[in-house]
Protein backbone atom coordinates (compact mmCIF):
# COMPACT_ATOMS: atom_id res chain seq x y z
CA MET A 1 0.00 0.00 0.00
CA LYS A 2 1.26 3.50 -0.85
CA THR A 3 2.14 5.61 2.18
CA TYR A 4 1.38 9.29 2.76
CA LEU A 5 3.53 10.69 5.57
CA VAL A 6 2.65 14.11 7.01
CA ILE A 7 5.11 15.78 9.37
CA GLY A 8 3.42 18.33 11.59
CA ALA A 9 0.03 16.66 11.64
CA GLY A 10 -2.47 18.83 13.46
CA PRO A 11 -6.24 19.19 13.39
CA GLY A 12 -6.15 21.76 10.59
CA ILE A 13 -4.37 21.46 7.25
CA GLY A 14 -2.43 18.31 8.17
CA LEU A 15 -5.50 16.35 9.14
CA GLY A 16 -7.62 17.75 6.32
CA THR A 17 -5.04 16.58 3.79
CA ALA A 18 -4.54 13.24 5.51
CA GLN A 19 -8.28 12.60 5.36
CA LYS A 20 -8.22 13.17 1.60
CA PHE A 21 -5.32 10.81 1.00
CA ALA A 22 -6.89 8.18 3.27
CA SER A 23 -10.13 8.39 1.28
CA GLU A 24 -8.09 7.69 -1.87
CA GLY A 25 -6.70 4.47 -0.41
CA TYR A 26 -3.36 5.61 0.93
CA ARG A 27 -1.89 4.38 4.15
CA VAL A 28 -1.59 7.49 6.33
CA VAL A 29 1.15 8.18 8.89
CA LEU A 30 0.53 11.22 11.10
CA ALA A 31 3.79 12.51 12.60
CA ALA A 32 3.83 15.09 15.37
CA ARG A 33 5.32 15.74 18.78
CA SER A 34 2.24 14.26 20.48
CA ASP A 35 -0.88 12.40 19.40
CA ALA A 36 -3.05 14.08 22.06
CA ARG A 37 -5.01 16.16 19.52
CA LEU A 38 -5.13 13.39 16.93
CA GLN A 39 -6.60 10.41 18.74
CA GLY A 40 -10.22 11.17 17.93
CA ALA A 41 -9.44 11.84 14.28
CA MET A 42 -7.41 8.64 13.98
CA ALA A 43 -10.26 6.64 15.50
CA ALA A 44 -12.73 8.23 13.07
CA LEU A 45 -10.50 7.46 10.10
CA ARG A 46 -10.08 3.85 11.19
CA GLU A 47 -13.86 3.50 11.38
CA THR A 48 -13.94 4.24 7.63
CA GLY A 49 -11.46 1.42 7.02
CA ALA A 50 -8.42 3.67 6.62
CA ASP A 51 -4.96 2.42 7.58
CA VAL A 52 -3.75 5.15 9.95
CA SER A 53 -0.82 5.22 12.36
CA PHE A 54 1.04 7.77 14.45
CA ALA A 55 4.78 8.50 14.54
CA GLN A 56 6.38 10.72 17.16
CA VAL A 57 8.79 13.39 15.92
CA ASP A 58 10.04 16.74 17.17
CA ALA A 59 10.02 19.00 14.11
CA SER A 60 12.60 21.28 15.71
CA ASP A 61 15.12 18.44 15.34
CA ALA A 62 16.18 18.20 11.70
CA GLN A 63 18.06 14.98 12.32
CA ALA A 64 14.98 13.35 13.83
CA VAL A 65 12.92 14.51 10.84
CA THR A 66 15.50 13.00 8.48
CA GLN A 67 15.48 9.70 10.36
CA LEU A 68 11.68 9.59 10.27
CA VAL A 69 11.60 9.98 6.49
CA GLN A 70 14.29 7.33 6.15
CA ARG A 71 12.26 4.99 8.36
CA PHE A 72 9.35 5.03 5.93
CA GLY A 73 11.47 5.53 2.84
CA GLU A 74 10.92 2.17 1.15
CA GLU A 75 7.13 2.48 1.22
CA LEU A 76 6.86 6.25 0.85
CA ALA A 77 4.79 7.62 -2.01
CA VAL A 78 3.94 11.09 -0.71
CA LEU A 79 5.84 13.16 1.86
CA HIS A 80 4.15 16.27 3.25
CA TYR A 81 5.95 18.78 5.49
CA ASN A 82 3.29 20.76 7.34
CA ALA A 83 5.02 21.84 10.56
CA GLY A 84 5.08 25.52 11.48
CA VAL A 85 5.03 27.78 14.52
CA LEU A 86 2.32 30.38 15.06
CA HIS A 87 1.23 31.79 18.41
CA TYR A 88 -2.35 31.90 19.69
CA ASP A 89 -3.95 33.20 22.86
CA ASN A 90 -6.24 31.18 25.13
CA ASP A 91 -9.24 32.06 22.97
CA GLY A 92 -7.55 30.80 19.81
CA ALA A 93 -6.81 34.25 18.35
CA LEU A 94 -3.58 34.61 16.40
CA GLN A 95 -0.95 36.62 18.29
CA ALA A 96 1.71 38.82 16.72
CA SER A 97 5.39 37.90 17.14
CA PRO A 98 7.44 40.97 16.14
CA LEU A 99 11.21 40.84 16.21
CA ASP A 100 11.52 42.88 19.41
CA LYS A 101 9.39 40.33 21.27
CA LEU A 102 11.45 37.31 20.20
CA ASP A 103 14.50 36.19 22.13
CA ILE A 104 17.36 34.31 20.50
CA SER A 105 16.06 30.90 21.54
CA ALA A 106 12.72 31.64 19.86
CA LEU A 107 14.44 32.83 16.69
CA VAL A 108 16.53 29.67 16.50
CA GLY A 109 13.86 27.20 17.62
CA GLU A 110 11.07 28.51 15.42
CA THR A 111 13.32 28.74 12.38
CA ALA A 112 14.29 25.10 12.94
CA VAL A 113 10.63 24.06 12.75
CA ASN A 114 9.51 26.50 10.08
CA LEU A 115 12.39 26.17 7.63
CA THR A 116 15.43 24.06 8.56
CA SER A 117 13.52 20.84 9.14
CA ALA A 118 11.45 21.48 6.02
CA LEU A 119 14.66 21.51 3.98
CA ALA A 120 15.87 18.40 5.80
CA ALA A 121 12.61 16.62 4.98
CA ILE A 122 12.84 17.64 1.33
CA LYS A 123 16.40 16.34 1.14
CA ALA A 124 15.53 13.06 2.84
CA GLY A 125 12.45 12.70 0.64
CA ARG A 126 14.56 13.20 -2.46
CA ASP A 127 16.92 10.44 -1.36
CA ALA A 128 14.02 8.09 -0.57
CA LEU A 129 12.17 8.68 -3.83
CA ALA A 130 15.07 9.12 -6.26
CA LYS A 131 14.88 5.57 -7.66
CA ARG A 132 11.11 5.32 -8.18
CA GLY A 133 9.66 8.84 -8.12
CA GLY A 134 6.92 10.26 -5.96
CA THR A 135 5.60 13.49 -4.50
CA ILE A 136 6.93 15.90 -1.89
CA LEU A 137 4.44 18.48 -0.66
CA VAL A 138 5.15 21.48 1.57
CA THR A 139 2.66 23.76 3.29
CA GLY A 140 3.53 27.34 2.38
CA GLY A 141 2.01 30.58 3.58
CA GLY A 142 0.92 33.95 2.30
CA PHE A 143 3.50 35.66 4.51
CA GLY A 144 6.08 34.19 2.14
CA ILE A 145 4.71 36.45 -0.60
CA GLU A 146 3.65 39.43 1.51
CA PRO A 147 5.86 39.47 4.63
CA ASN A 148 4.60 41.11 7.81
CA ALA A 149 6.82 42.62 10.51
CA ASP A 150 4.42 41.39 13.20
CA PHE A 151 5.02 37.81 12.03
CA ILE A 152 8.66 38.06 11.06
CA ASN A 153 9.80 34.51 11.80
CA ILE A 154 7.06 32.79 9.83
CA SER A 155 7.33 35.39 7.04
CA VAL A 156 11.03 34.70 6.51
CA ALA A 157 10.54 30.94 6.76
CA LYS A 158 7.64 30.76 4.32
CA ALA A 159 9.59 32.91 1.86
CA GLY A 160 12.46 30.47 2.21
CA ILE A 161 10.20 27.46 1.66
CA ARG A 162 8.68 29.06 -1.41
CA ALA A 163 12.13 29.84 -2.82
CA ALA A 164 13.38 26.32 -2.13
CA VAL A 165 10.41 24.64 -3.79
CA LYS A 166 10.61 26.89 -6.83
CA ALA A 167 14.38 26.40 -7.17
CA LEU A 168 14.34 22.64 -6.64
CA SER A 169 11.22 21.74 -8.60
CA GLU A 170 13.07 21.40 -11.91
CA PRO A 171 15.99 19.24 -10.74
CA PHE A 172 13.53 17.09 -8.79
CA ARG A 173 11.36 16.73 -11.91
CA SER A 174 14.31 15.07 -13.64
CA LEU A 175 14.11 12.37 -10.92
CA ASN A 176 10.34 12.00 -11.45
CA ILE A 177 9.72 13.66 -8.07
CA HIS A 178 6.97 16.24 -7.98
CA LEU A 179 7.98 18.92 -5.45
CA ALA A 180 5.18 21.39 -4.85
CA THR A 181 3.68 23.75 -2.29
CA VAL A 182 0.25 25.07 -1.45
CA THR A 183 0.73 28.67 -0.38
CA VAL A 184 -2.06 29.23 2.12
CA SER A 185 -3.02 32.90 2.30
CA THR A 186 -5.80 32.61 4.85
CA LEU A 187 -6.28 31.51 8.44
CA VAL A 188 -7.41 27.92 8.78
CA THR A 189 -9.26 26.65 11.84
CA PRO A 190 -9.20 23.01 12.97
CA ASN A 191 -11.65 20.60 11.37
CA SER A 192 -12.92 23.31 9.02
CA GLU A 193 -14.16 23.28 5.46
CA LYS A 194 -11.07 25.29 4.48
CA SER A 195 -8.79 22.58 5.86
CA ARG A 196 -10.57 20.04 3.67
CA GLU A 197 -10.40 22.33 0.63
CA ILE A 198 -6.65 22.73 1.14
CA GLY A 199 -6.42 18.95 1.35
CA GLU A 200 -8.09 18.80 -2.05
CA ALA A 201 -5.55 21.34 -3.37
CA PHE A 202 -2.66 19.16 -2.22
CA TRP A 203 -4.32 16.10 -3.74
CA SER A 204 -4.78 17.93 -7.06
CA LEU A 205 -1.07 18.75 -7.18
CA HIS A 206 -0.17 15.15 -6.41
CA LYS A 207 -2.45 13.79 -9.14
CA GLN A 208 -1.13 15.99 -11.93
CA ALA A 209 -0.23 13.31 -14.44
CA ASP A 210 2.01 15.07 -16.95
CA SER A 211 5.41 15.63 -15.36
CA ALA A 212 6.29 18.13 -18.07
CA SER A 213 3.60 20.48 -16.78
CA TRP A 214 3.71 19.80 -13.04
CA ASP A 215 2.88 22.93 -11.06
CA TRP A 216 5.27 23.86 -8.27
CA GLU A 217 2.74 26.06 -6.47
CA THR A 218 -0.96 26.50 -5.83
CA ILE A 219 -2.08 29.64 -4.01
CA PHE A 220 -5.07 29.13 -1.71
CA SER A 221 -6.83 32.23 -0.39
């Protein structure tokens, strides 16, 4: 069975996309630091007959991310890097994170999750898929196109992800690996219709049949 591995699986985009791939017959592996927010969703997916499992990974550790991809490498068909750091208050409202409010540990730690481990996953995915082809998907963000000083860390990281995907899409194409991103330019709440629509956008990129015209980006707003 073909495996879809999502790193940074949460109840929003990660789960919405996993649900789509599960419905299409893929084995789904949800990777995150903890499965606390995923247990109900995994149970619901299993009730539909989906093959779903959980893998623990700390997305701030690029080496651990690399080892996770290698662990599933032989069965991997689709790798999806979805991890990212945003800050919310107790009511779920998005909080600003300007540069003057971030200490050095936050700058380093968030960049590791938002960008460094994404690049590590892409590299490991390339190595795993080089002999047979496959798809590597990355969740991008609108701040990568229109950066915002109040969200400087995620803005810089999403710009980096977008640049990496655009730069690497052609050399990866020569290996029959479709590297692509959905640049999400809207807030997405857990278990929402938007999360499912973004899942459909990722699926549409994956199912593009003609490698000569593979898209490297879809913008979702």
